[in-house]
Amino acid sequence: MADSKLAYAAINESSALQDLDDFAEKWNSKYLKISMSWRAHCPKLSTYFKYYDVIRILIYTTNSIKGFNRQRRKVTKSKSVFPNDNSLLKMLYLATTDITKKWTGRCRDG
């Protein structure tokens, strides 16, 4: 995993391709499909390197977003019916305030 992360954490496209070559040299015997997929989708993936570093970090760090949405789904799943849209919004608001109280992570470079 660490070797594959080097490619998408690279500073530019040419550096990413070099990291991908290094990954392929080391891991193609075991994980050929990873580098094949990168190569096949390279034109689409290369647009990623046109964004600033700050934006790229947001693009590939979706775990916190997924966790947040999972916690909100957990709250709404326990209720089968909401009397109206406003009651759903209130429950989501309260769940959001509870979820965000537990956030303790720091910002990068902060």
PDB file of N, CA and C in Angstrom:
ATOM      1  N   MET A   1       0.821  -1.186   0.000  1.00  0.00           N
ATOM      2  CA  MET A   1       0.000   0.000   0.000  1.00  0.00           C
ATOM      3  C   MET A   1       0.868   1.254   0.000  1.00  0.00           C
ATOM      4  N   ALA A   2       1.916   1.243   0.786  1.00  0.00           N
ATOM      5  CA  ALA A   2       2.785   2.415   0.875  1.00  0.00           C
ATOM      6  C   ALA A   2       3.424   2.730  -0.476  1.00  0.00           C
ATOM      7  N   ASP A   3       3.797   1.699  -1.222  1.00  0.00           N
ATOM      8  CA  ASP A   3       4.414   1.921  -2.531  1.00  0.00           C
ATOM      9  C   ASP A   3       3.412   2.488  -3.531  1.00  0.00           C
ATOM     10  N   SER A   4       2.159   2.056  -3.453  1.00  0.00           N
ATOM     11  CA  SER A   4       1.158   2.595  -4.381  1.00  0.00           C
ATOM     12  C   SER A   4       0.776   4.021  -4.023  1.00  0.00           C
ATOM     13  N   LYS A   5       0.831   4.364  -2.745  1.00  0.00           N
ATOM     14  CA  LYS A   5       0.512   5.727  -2.321  1.00  0.00           C
ATOM     15  C   LYS A   5       1.500   6.751  -2.864  1.00  0.00           C
ATOM     16  N   LEU A   6       2.721   6.321  -3.116  1.00  0.00           N
ATOM     17  CA  LEU A   6       3.719   7.238  -3.645  1.00  0.00           C
ATOM     18  C   LEU A   6       3.269   7.841  -4.974  1.00  0.00           C
ATOM     19  N   ALA A   7       2.570   7.055  -5.782  1.00  0.00           N
ATOM     20  CA  ALA A   7       2.138   7.534  -7.099  1.00  0.00           C
ATOM     21  C   ALA A   7       1.126   8.659  -6.984  1.00  0.00           C
ATOM     22  N   TYR A   8       0.106   8.505  -6.157  1.00  0.00           N
ATOM     23  CA  TYR A   8      -0.886   9.579  -6.105  1.00  0.00           C
ATOM     24  C   TYR A   8      -0.511  10.696  -5.144  1.00  0.00           C
ATOM     25  N   ALA A   9       0.546  10.500  -4.372  1.00  0.00           N
ATOM     26  CA  ALA A   9       1.025  11.585  -3.517  1.00  0.00           C
ATOM     27  C   ALA A   9       2.177  12.339  -4.174  1.00  0.00           C
ATOM     28  N   ALA A  10       2.483  11.992  -5.410  1.00  0.00           N
ATOM     29  CA  ALA A  10       3.594  12.632  -6.122  1.00  0.00           C
ATOM     30  C   ALA A  10       3.281  14.109  -6.374  1.00  0.00           C
ATOM     31  N   ILE A  11       4.330  14.879  -6.609  1.00  0.00           N
ATOM     32  CA  ILE A  11       4.138  16.316  -6.799  1.00  0.00           C
ATOM     33  C   ILE A  11       3.668  16.674  -8.201  1.00  0.00           C
ATOM     34  N   ASN A  12       3.920  15.801  -9.176  1.00  0.00           N
ATOM     35  CA  ASN A  12       3.445  16.059 -10.532  1.00  0.00           C
ATOM     36  C   ASN A  12       3.250  14.731 -11.272  1.00  0.00           C
ATOM     37  N   GLU A  13       2.751  14.835 -12.490  1.00  0.00           N
ATOM     38  CA  GLU A  13       2.409  13.629 -13.246  1.00  0.00           C
ATOM     39  C   GLU A  13       3.641  12.801 -13.604  1.00  0.00           C
ATOM     40  N   SER A  14       4.722  13.441 -14.013  1.00  0.00           N
ATOM     41  CA  SER A  14       5.920  12.680 -14.399  1.00  0.00           C
ATOM     42  C   SER A  14       6.516  11.937 -13.202  1.00  0.00           C
ATOM     43  N   SER A  15       6.482  12.567 -12.046  1.00  0.00           N
ATOM     44  CA  SER A  15       6.953  11.903 -10.831  1.00  0.00           C
ATOM     45  C   SER A  15       6.041  10.728 -10.473  1.00  0.00           C
ATOM     46  N   ALA A  16       4.754  10.906 -10.665  1.00  0.00           N
ATOM     47  CA  ALA A  16       3.799   9.825 -10.386  1.00  0.00           C
ATOM     48  C   ALA A  16       4.035   8.633 -11.314  1.00  0.00           C
ATOM     49  N   LEU A  17       4.309   8.918 -12.586  1.00  0.00           N
ATOM     50  CA  LEU A  17       4.580   7.833 -13.529  1.00  0.00           C
ATOM     51  C   LEU A  17       5.863   7.091 -13.165  1.00  0.00           C
ATOM     52  N   GLN A  18       6.855   7.815 -12.679  1.00  0.00           N
ATOM     53  CA  GLN A  18       8.092   7.171 -12.234  1.00  0.00           C
ATOM     54  C   GLN A  18       7.810   6.292 -11.009  1.00  0.00           C
ATOM     55  N   ASP A  19       7.005   6.808 -10.078  1.00  0.00           N
ATOM     56  CA  ASP A  19       6.633   6.014  -8.904  1.00  0.00           C
ATOM     57  C   ASP A  19       5.830   4.785  -9.310  1.00  0.00           C
ATOM     58  N   LEU A  20       4.997   4.941 -10.329  1.00  0.00           N
ATOM     59  CA  LEU A  20       4.224   3.802 -10.827  1.00  0.00           C
ATOM     60  C   LEU A  20       5.144   2.762 -11.457  1.00  0.00           C
ATOM     61  N   ASP A  21       6.154   3.211 -12.187  1.00  0.00           N
ATOM     62  CA  ASP A  21       7.140   2.275 -12.751  1.00  0.00           C
ATOM     63  C   ASP A  21       7.866   1.521 -11.645  1.00  0.00           C
ATOM     64  N   ASP A  22       8.234   2.244 -10.597  1.00  0.00           N
ATOM     65  CA  ASP A  22       8.900   1.602  -9.458  1.00  0.00           C
ATOM     66  C   ASP A  22       7.974   0.578  -8.794  1.00  0.00           C
ATOM     67  N   PHE A  23       6.708   0.956  -8.644  1.00  0.00           N
ATOM     68  CA  PHE A  23       5.720   0.041  -8.066  1.00  0.00           C
ATOM     69  C   PHE A  23       5.591  -1.212  -8.935  1.00  0.00           C
ATOM     70  N   ALA A  24       5.492  -1.002 -10.259  1.00  0.00           N
ATOM     71  CA  ALA A  24       5.329  -2.123 -11.179  1.00  0.00           C
ATOM     72  C   ALA A  24       6.527  -3.063 -11.121  1.00  0.00           C
ATOM     73  N   GLU A  25       7.705  -2.490 -11.066  1.00  0.00           N
ATOM     74  CA  GLU A  25       8.920  -3.308 -11.002  1.00  0.00           C
ATOM     75  C   GLU A  25       8.931  -4.187  -9.751  1.00  0.00           C
ATOM     76  N   LYS A  26       8.461  -3.620  -8.661  1.00  0.00           N
ATOM     77  CA  LYS A  26       8.491  -4.345  -7.388  1.00  0.00           C
ATOM     78  C   LYS A  26       7.308  -5.301  -7.214  1.00  0.00           C
ATOM     79  N   TRP A  27       6.107  -4.889  -7.661  1.00  0.00           N
ATOM     80  CA  TRP A  27       4.898  -5.607  -7.296  1.00  0.00           C
ATOM     81  C   TRP A  27       4.109  -6.241  -8.442  1.00  0.00           C
ATOM     82  N   ASN A  28       4.489  -6.045  -9.700  1.00  0.00           N
ATOM     83  CA  ASN A  28       3.687  -6.589 -10.807  1.00  0.00           C
ATOM     84  C   ASN A  28       3.542  -8.097 -10.758  1.00  0.00           C
ATOM     85  N   SER A  29       4.517  -8.789 -10.229  1.00  0.00           N
ATOM     86  CA  SER A  29       4.405 -10.246 -10.163  1.00  0.00           C
ATOM     87  C   SER A  29       3.253 -10.677  -9.258  1.00  0.00           C
ATOM     88  N   LYS A  30       2.921  -9.831  -8.295  1.00  0.00           N
ATOM     89  CA  LYS A  30       1.849 -10.173  -7.354  1.00  0.00           C
ATOM     90  C   LYS A  30       0.566  -9.376  -7.612  1.00  0.00           C
ATOM     91  N   TYR A  31       0.703  -8.094  -7.988  1.00  0.00           N
ATOM     92  CA  TYR A  31      -0.457  -7.208  -8.150  1.00  0.00           C
ATOM     93  C   TYR A  31      -0.440  -6.518  -9.515  1.00  0.00           C
ATOM     94  N   LEU A  32      -0.433  -7.287 -10.565  1.00  0.00           N
ATOM     95  CA  LEU A  32      -0.348  -6.748 -11.918  1.00  0.00           C
ATOM     96  C   LEU A  32      -1.514  -5.826 -12.263  1.00  0.00           C
ATOM     97  N   LYS A  33      -2.692  -6.147 -11.774  1.00  0.00           N
ATOM     98  CA  LYS A  33      -3.887  -5.363 -12.134  1.00  0.00           C
ATOM     99  C   LYS A  33      -3.836  -3.919 -11.651  1.00  0.00           C
ATOM    100  N   ILE A  34      -3.119  -3.660 -10.575  1.00  0.00           N
ATOM    101  CA  ILE A  34      -3.046  -2.289 -10.054  1.00  0.00           C
ATOM    102  C   ILE A  34      -2.345  -1.385 -11.057  1.00  0.00           C
ATOM    103  N   SER A  35      -1.151  -1.770 -11.486  1.00  0.00           N
ATOM    104  CA  SER A  35      -0.443  -0.903 -12.428  1.00  0.00           C
ATOM    105  C   SER A  35      -1.116  -0.905 -13.790  1.00  0.00           C
ATOM    106  N   MET A  36      -1.740  -2.017 -14.192  1.00  0.00           N
ATOM    107  CA  MET A  36      -2.478  -2.048 -15.462  1.00  0.00           C
ATOM    108  C   MET A  36      -3.647  -1.069 -15.419  1.00  0.00           C
ATOM    109  N   SER A  37      -4.331  -1.026 -14.294  1.00  0.00           N
ATOM    110  CA  SER A  37      -5.459  -0.112 -14.141  1.00  0.00           C
ATOM    111  C   SER A  37      -4.996   1.337 -14.182  1.00  0.00           C
ATOM    112  N   TRP A  38      -3.896   1.631 -13.490  1.00  0.00           N
ATOM    113  CA  TRP A  38      -3.341   2.990 -13.527  1.00  0.00           C
ATOM    114  C   TRP A  38      -3.003   3.383 -14.952  1.00  0.00           C
ATOM    115  N   ARG A  39      -2.332   2.495 -15.679  1.00  0.00           N
ATOM    116  CA  ARG A  39      -1.931   2.792 -17.064  1.00  0.00           C
ATOM    117  C   ARG A  39      -3.154   2.972 -17.969  1.00  0.00           C
ATOM    118  N   ALA A  40      -4.160   2.131 -17.787  1.00  0.00           N
ATOM    119  CA  ALA A  40      -5.361   2.211 -18.627  1.00  0.00           C
ATOM    120  C   ALA A  40      -6.128   3.509 -18.392  1.00  0.00           C
ATOM    121  N   HIS A  41      -6.111   3.994 -17.167  1.00  0.00           N
ATOM    122  CA  HIS A  41      -6.874   5.195 -16.822  1.00  0.00           C
ATOM    123  C   HIS A  41      -5.996   6.434 -16.663  1.00  0.00           C
ATOM    124  N   CYS A  42      -4.784   6.352 -17.141  1.00  0.00           N
ATOM    125  CA  CYS A  42      -3.826   7.449 -16.976  1.00  0.00           C
ATOM    126  C   CYS A  42      -4.342   8.794 -17.515  1.00  0.00           C
ATOM    127  N   PRO A  43      -4.985   8.849 -18.680  1.00  0.00           N
ATOM    128  CA  PRO A  43      -5.482  10.157 -19.145  1.00  0.00           C
ATOM    129  C   PRO A  43      -6.477  10.800 -18.175  1.00  0.00           C
ATOM    130  N   LYS A  44      -7.326   9.989 -17.561  1.00  0.00           N
ATOM    131  CA  LYS A  44      -8.297  10.522 -16.596  1.00  0.00           C
ATOM    132  C   LYS A  44      -7.608  10.904 -15.283  1.00  0.00           C
ATOM    133  N   LEU A  45      -6.701  10.043 -14.837  1.00  0.00           N
ATOM    134  CA  LEU A  45      -6.029  10.275 -13.564  1.00  0.00           C
ATOM    135  C   LEU A  45      -5.061  11.448 -13.617  1.00  0.00           C
ATOM    136  N   SER A  46      -4.544  11.737 -14.792  1.00  0.00           N
ATOM    137  CA  SER A  46      -3.556  12.809 -14.884  1.00  0.00           C
ATOM    138  C   SER A  46      -4.158  14.186 -14.611  1.00  0.00           C
ATOM    139  N   THR A  47      -5.462  14.346 -14.767  1.00  0.00           N
ATOM    140  CA  THR A  47      -6.084  15.636 -14.444  1.00  0.00           C
ATOM    141  C   THR A  47      -5.962  15.944 -12.954  1.00  0.00           C
ATOM    142  N   TYR A  48      -5.840  14.915 -12.152  1.00  0.00           N
ATOM    143  CA  TYR A  48      -5.667  15.051 -10.714  1.00  0.00           C
ATOM    144  C   TYR A  48      -4.455  15.921 -10.380  1.00  0.00           C
ATOM    145  N   PHE A  49      -3.394  15.813 -11.168  1.00  0.00           N
ATOM    146  CA  PHE A  49      -2.162  16.550 -10.891  1.00  0.00           C
ATOM    147  C   PHE A  49      -2.227  18.009 -11.329  1.00  0.00           C
ATOM    148  N   LYS A  50      -3.315  18.407 -11.945  1.00  0.00           N
ATOM    149  CA  LYS A  50      -3.482  19.806 -12.338  1.00  0.00           C
ATOM    150  C   LYS A  50      -4.010  20.653 -11.179  1.00  0.00           C
ATOM    151  N   TYR A  51      -4.485  19.990 -10.125  1.00  0.00           N
ATOM    152  CA  TYR A  51      -4.993  20.700  -8.949  1.00  0.00           C
ATOM    153  C   TYR A  51      -3.846  21.040  -7.999  1.00  0.00           C
ATOM    154  N   TYR A  52      -4.060  22.050  -7.170  1.00  0.00           N
ATOM    155  CA  TYR A  52      -3.089  22.398  -6.137  1.00  0.00           C
ATOM    156  C   TYR A  52      -3.034  21.283  -5.095  1.00  0.00           C
ATOM    157  N   ASP A  53      -1.939  21.211  -4.369  1.00  0.00           N
ATOM    158  CA  ASP A  53      -1.752  20.170  -3.353  1.00  0.00           C
ATOM    159  C   ASP A  53      -2.881  20.136  -2.333  1.00  0.00           C
ATOM    160  N   VAL A  54      -3.331  21.302  -1.919  1.00  0.00           N
ATOM    161  CA  VAL A  54      -4.384  21.381  -0.900  1.00  0.00           C
ATOM    162  C   VAL A  54      -5.667  20.712  -1.406  1.00  0.00           C
ATOM    163  N   ILE A  55      -5.996  20.946  -2.651  1.00  0.00           N
ATOM    164  CA  ILE A  55      -7.200  20.352  -3.241  1.00  0.00           C
ATOM    165  C   ILE A  55      -7.009  18.855  -3.417  1.00  0.00           C
ATOM    166  N   ARG A  56      -5.819  18.433  -3.825  1.00  0.00           N
ATOM    167  CA  ARG A  56      -5.566  16.998  -4.013  1.00  0.00           C
ATOM    168  C   ARG A  56      -5.695  16.237  -2.709  1.00  0.00           C
ATOM    169  N   ILE A  57      -5.284  16.828  -1.606  1.00  0.00           N
ATOM    170  CA  ILE A  57      -5.426  16.177  -0.300  1.00  0.00           C
ATOM    171  C   ILE A  57      -6.902  15.931  -0.007  1.00  0.00           C
ATOM    172  N   LEU A  58      -7.739  16.911  -0.312  1.00  0.00           N
ATOM    173  CA  LEU A  58      -9.174  16.750  -0.085  1.00  0.00           C
ATOM    174  C   LEU A  58      -9.774  15.672  -0.975  1.00  0.00           C
ATOM    175  N   ILE A  59      -9.257  15.549  -2.191  1.00  0.00           N
ATOM    176  CA  ILE A  59      -9.791  14.565  -3.124  1.00  0.00           C
ATOM    177  C   ILE A  59      -9.534  13.149  -2.633  1.00  0.00           C
ATOM    178  N   TYR A  60      -8.313  12.864  -2.166  1.00  0.00           N
ATOM    179  CA  TYR A  60      -8.029  11.470  -1.805  1.00  0.00           C
ATOM    180  C   TYR A  60      -8.175  11.153  -0.327  1.00  0.00           C
ATOM    181  N   THR A  61      -8.620  12.087   0.488  1.00  0.00           N
ATOM    182  CA  THR A  61      -8.860  11.766   1.898  1.00  0.00           C
ATOM    183  C   THR A  61     -10.353  11.809   2.185  1.00  0.00           C
ATOM    184  N   THR A  62     -11.056  10.794   1.749  1.00  0.00           N
ATOM    185  CA  THR A  62     -12.500  10.763   1.924  1.00  0.00           C
ATOM    186  C   THR A  62     -12.937   9.911   3.110  1.00  0.00           C
ATOM    187  N   ASN A  63     -12.005   9.305   3.829  1.00  0.00           N
ATOM    188  CA  ASN A  63     -12.383   8.436   4.942  1.00  0.00           C
ATOM    189  C   ASN A  63     -13.204   9.167   5.994  1.00  0.00           C
ATOM    190  N   SER A  64     -12.828  10.385   6.314  1.00  0.00           N
ATOM    191  CA  SER A  64     -13.589  11.121   7.325  1.00  0.00           C
ATOM    192  C   SER A  64     -14.983  11.461   6.822  1.00  0.00           C
ATOM    193  N   ILE A  65     -15.110  11.748   5.547  1.00  0.00           N
ATOM    194  CA  ILE A  65     -16.430  12.042   4.970  1.00  0.00           C
ATOM    195  C   ILE A  65     -17.296  10.790   4.997  1.00  0.00           C
ATOM    196  N   LYS A  66     -16.714   9.660   4.617  1.00  0.00           N
ATOM    197  CA  LYS A  66     -17.463   8.403   4.643  1.00  0.00           C
ATOM    198  C   LYS A  66     -17.904   8.055   6.061  1.00  0.00           C
ATOM    199  N   GLY A  67     -17.017   8.250   7.027  1.00  0.00           N
ATOM    200  CA  GLY A  67     -17.359   7.967   8.417  1.00  0.00           C
ATOM    201  C   GLY A  67     -18.472   8.860   8.929  1.00  0.00           C
ATOM    202  N   PHE A  68     -18.407  10.131   8.551  1.00  0.00           N
ATOM    203  CA  PHE A  68     -19.450  11.084   8.943  1.00  0.00           C
ATOM    204  C   PHE A  68     -20.807  10.656   8.381  1.00  0.00           C
ATOM    205  N   ASN A  69     -20.847  10.330   7.102  1.00  0.00           N
ATOM    206  CA  ASN A  69     -22.104   9.895   6.481  1.00  0.00           C
ATOM    207  C   ASN A  69     -22.602   8.575   7.058  1.00  0.00           C
ATOM    208  N   ARG A  70     -21.671   7.667   7.386  1.00  0.00           N
ATOM    209  CA  ARG A  70     -22.063   6.397   7.991  1.00  0.00           C
ATOM    210  C   ARG A  70     -22.741   6.631   9.341  1.00  0.00           C
ATOM    211  N   GLN A  71     -22.183   7.541  10.142  1.00  0.00           N
ATOM    212  CA  GLN A  71     -22.776   7.829  11.449  1.00  0.00           C
ATOM    213  C   GLN A  71     -24.153   8.471  11.303  1.00  0.00           C
ATOM    214  N   ARG A  72     -24.324   9.318  10.314  1.00  0.00           N
ATOM    215  CA  ARG A  72     -25.640   9.937  10.092  1.00  0.00           C
ATOM    216  C   ARG A  72     -26.658   8.904   9.615  1.00  0.00           C
ATOM    217  N   ARG A  73     -26.219   7.969   8.748  1.00  0.00           N
ATOM    218  CA  ARG A  73     -27.126   6.904   8.293  1.00  0.00           C
ATOM    219  C   ARG A  73     -27.548   6.021   9.464  1.00  0.00           C
ATOM    220  N   LYS A  74     -26.613   5.767  10.376  1.00  0.00           N
ATOM    221  CA  LYS A  74     -26.900   4.930  11.537  1.00  0.00           C
ATOM    222  C   LYS A  74     -28.022   5.542  12.385  1.00  0.00           C
ATOM    223  N   VAL A  75     -28.004   6.848  12.510  1.00  0.00           N
ATOM    224  CA  VAL A  75     -29.022   7.548  13.301  1.00  0.00           C
ATOM    225  C   VAL A  75     -30.384   7.477  12.600  1.00  0.00           C
ATOM    226  N   THR A  76     -30.408   7.722  11.304  1.00  0.00           N
ATOM    227  CA  THR A  76     -31.692   7.751  10.592  1.00  0.00           C
ATOM    228  C   THR A  76     -32.236   6.349  10.328  1.00  0.00           C
ATOM    229  N   LYS A  77     -31.367   5.348  10.306  1.00  0.00           N
ATOM    230  CA  LYS A  77     -31.802   3.981  10.034  1.00  0.00           C
ATOM    231  C   LYS A  77     -32.676   3.425  11.161  1.00  0.00           C
ATOM    232  N   SER A  78     -32.407   3.867  12.378  1.00  0.00           N
ATOM    233  CA  SER A  78     -33.162   3.360  13.522  1.00  0.00           C
ATOM    234  C   SER A  78     -34.606   3.854  13.516  1.00  0.00           C
ATOM    235  N   LYS A  79     -34.871   4.952  12.834  1.00  0.00           N
ATOM    236  CA  LYS A  79     -36.234   5.471  12.703  1.00  0.00           C
ATOM    237  C   LYS A  79     -36.778   5.018  11.367  1.00  0.00           C
ATOM    238  N   SER A  80     -37.928   4.392  11.348  1.00  0.00           N
ATOM    239  CA  SER A  80     -38.483   3.918  10.081  1.00  0.00           C
ATOM    240  C   SER A  80     -39.259   5.007   9.335  1.00  0.00           C
ATOM    241  N   VAL A  81     -39.909   5.900  10.090  1.00  0.00           N
ATOM    242  CA  VAL A  81     -40.723   6.931   9.454  1.00  0.00           C
ATOM    243  C   VAL A  81     -40.512   8.260  10.176  1.00  0.00           C
ATOM    244  N   PHE A  82     -40.419   9.320   9.389  1.00  0.00           N
ATOM    245  CA  PHE A  82     -40.364  10.672   9.943  1.00  0.00           C
ATOM    246  C   PHE A  82     -41.679  11.360   9.597  1.00  0.00           C
ATOM    247  N   PRO A  83     -42.311  12.028  10.559  1.00  0.00           N
ATOM    248  CA  PRO A  83     -43.611  12.651  10.302  1.00  0.00           C
ATOM    249  C   PRO A  83     -43.562  13.695   9.184  1.00  0.00           C
ATOM    250  N   ASN A  84     -42.429  14.401   9.096  1.00  0.00           N
ATOM    251  CA  ASN A  84     -42.274  15.396   8.026  1.00  0.00           C
ATOM    252  C   ASN A  84     -40.787  15.639   7.776  1.00  0.00           C
ATOM    253  N   ASP A  85     -40.502  16.401   6.752  1.00  0.00           N
ATOM    254  CA  ASP A  85     -39.102  16.684   6.399  1.00  0.00           C
ATOM    255  C   ASP A  85     -38.376  17.442   7.497  1.00  0.00           C
ATOM    256  N   ASN A  86     -39.094  18.310   8.178  1.00  0.00           N
ATOM    257  CA  ASN A  86     -38.481  19.112   9.230  1.00  0.00           C
ATOM    258  C   ASN A  86     -37.981  18.233  10.385  1.00  0.00           C
ATOM    259  N   SER A  87     -38.720  17.181  10.697  1.00  0.00           N
ATOM    260  CA  SER A  87     -38.283  16.291  11.781  1.00  0.00           C
ATOM    261  C   SER A  87     -37.003  15.552  11.389  1.00  0.00           C
ATOM    262  N   LEU A  88     -36.883  15.173  10.134  1.00  0.00           N
ATOM    263  CA  LEU A  88     -35.655  14.543   9.655  1.00  0.00           C
ATOM    264  C   LEU A  88     -34.489  15.526   9.743  1.00  0.00           C
ATOM    265  N   LEU A  89     -34.706  16.756   9.315  1.00  0.00           N
ATOM    266  CA  LEU A  89     -33.651  17.769   9.371  1.00  0.00           C
ATOM    267  C   LEU A  89     -33.199  18.036  10.808  1.00  0.00           C
ATOM    268  N   LYS A  90     -34.145  18.080  11.734  1.00  0.00           N
ATOM    269  CA  LYS A  90     -33.787  18.289  13.141  1.00  0.00           C
ATOM    270  C   LYS A  90     -32.947  17.136  13.679  1.00  0.00           C
ATOM    271  N   MET A  91     -33.338  15.907  13.320  1.00  0.00           N
ATOM    272  CA  MET A  91     -32.581  14.750  13.791  1.00  0.00           C
ATOM    273  C   MET A  91     -31.172  14.758  13.196  1.00  0.00           C
ATOM    274  N   LEU A  92     -31.039  15.088  11.922  1.00  0.00           N
ATOM    275  CA  LEU A  92     -29.725  15.152  11.302  1.00  0.00           C
ATOM    276  C   LEU A  92     -28.871  16.265  11.913  1.00  0.00           C
ATOM    277  N   TYR A  93     -29.505  17.375  12.239  1.00  0.00           N
ATOM    278  CA  TYR A  93     -28.776  18.471  12.887  1.00  0.00           C
ATOM    279  C   TYR A  93     -28.227  18.029  14.243  1.00  0.00           C
ATOM    280  N   LEU A  94     -29.073  17.401  15.037  1.00  0.00           N
ATOM    281  CA  LEU A  94     -28.637  16.936  16.358  1.00  0.00           C
ATOM    282  C   LEU A  94     -27.552  15.867  16.243  1.00  0.00           C
ATOM    283  N   ALA A  95     -27.711  14.967  15.283  1.00  0.00           N
ATOM    284  CA  ALA A  95     -26.699  13.931  15.074  1.00  0.00           C
ATOM    285  C   ALA A  95     -25.377  14.564  14.656  1.00  0.00           C
ATOM    286  N   THR A  96     -25.455  15.567  13.796  1.00  0.00           N
ATOM    287  CA  THR A  96     -24.244  16.249  13.340  1.00  0.00           C
ATOM    288  C   THR A  96     -23.526  16.931  14.488  1.00  0.00           C
ATOM    289  N   THR A  97     -24.270  17.575  15.376  1.00  0.00           N
ATOM    290  CA  THR A  97     -23.615  18.224  16.516  1.00  0.00           C
ATOM    291  C   THR A  97     -22.957  17.188  17.429  1.00  0.00           C
ATOM    292  N   ASP A  98     -23.595  16.043  17.621  1.00  0.00           N
ATOM    293  CA  ASP A  98     -22.990  14.987  18.438  1.00  0.00           C
ATOM    294  C   ASP A  98     -21.744  14.413  17.763  1.00  0.00           C
ATOM    295  N   ILE A  99     -21.816  14.211  16.454  1.00  0.00           N
ATOM    296  CA  ILE A  99     -20.689  13.635  15.723  1.00  0.00           C
ATOM    297  C   ILE A  99     -19.494  14.582  15.758  1.00  0.00           C
ATOM    298  N   THR A 100     -19.736  15.854  15.534  1.00  0.00           N
ATOM    299  CA  THR A 100     -18.628  16.809  15.451  1.00  0.00           C
ATOM    300  C   THR A 100     -17.991  17.092  16.812  1.00  0.00           C
ATOM    301  N   LYS A 101     -18.696  16.821  17.893  1.00  0.00           N
ATOM    302  CA  LYS A 101     -18.090  16.984  19.221  1.00  0.00           C
ATOM    303  C   LYS A 101     -16.925  16.015  19.418  1.00  0.00           C
ATOM    304  N   LYS A 102     -16.980  14.885  18.741  1.00  0.00           N
ATOM    305  CA  LYS A 102     -15.966  13.849  18.904  1.00  0.00           C
ATOM    306  C   LYS A 102     -14.760  14.054  17.996  1.00  0.00           C
ATOM    307  N   TRP A 103     -14.805  15.026  17.096  1.00  0.00           N
ATOM    308  CA  TRP A 103     -13.685  15.252  16.180  1.00  0.00           C
ATOM    309  C   TRP A 103     -12.518  15.844  16.942  1.00  0.00           C
ATOM    310  N   THR A 104     -11.400  15.152  16.900  1.00  0.00           N
ATOM    311  CA  THR A 104     -10.213  15.632  17.598  1.00  0.00           C
ATOM    312  C   THR A 104      -9.005  15.726  16.693  1.00  0.00           C
ATOM    313  N   GLY A 105      -9.134  15.333  15.430  1.00  0.00           N
ATOM    314  CA  GLY A 105      -7.994  15.340  14.520  1.00  0.00           C
ATOM    315  C   GLY A 105      -7.530  16.756  14.206  1.00  0.00           C
ATOM    316  N   ARG A 106      -6.262  16.866  13.897  1.00  0.00           N
ATOM    317  CA  ARG A 106      -5.698  18.155  13.538  1.00  0.00           C
ATOM    318  C   ARG A 106      -5.621  18.295  12.032  1.00  0.00           C
ATOM    319  N   CYS A 107      -5.612  19.526  11.569  1.00  0.00           N
ATOM    320  CA  CYS A 107      -5.420  19.791  10.146  1.00  0.00           C
ATOM    321  C   CYS A 107      -3.961  19.539   9.796  1.00  0.00           C
ATOM    322  N   ARG A 108      -3.733  19.142   8.555  1.00  0.00           N
ATOM    323  CA  ARG A 108      -2.367  18.976   8.100  1.00  0.00           C
ATOM    324  C   ARG A 108      -1.693  20.340   8.019  1.00  0.00           C
ATOM    325  N   ASP A 109      -0.433  20.359   8.287  1.00  0.00           N
ATOM    326  CA  ASP A 109       0.373  21.589   8.225  1.00  0.00           C
ATOM    327  C   ASP A 109      -0.208  22.694   9.096  1.00  0.00           C
ATOM    328  N   GLY A 110      -0.920  22.313  10.151  1.00  0.00           N
ATOM    329  CA  GLY A 110      -1.570  23.334  10.968  1.00  0.00           C
ATOM    330  C   GLY A 110      -1.033  23.423  12.350  1.00  0.00           C
TER     331      GLY A 110
END
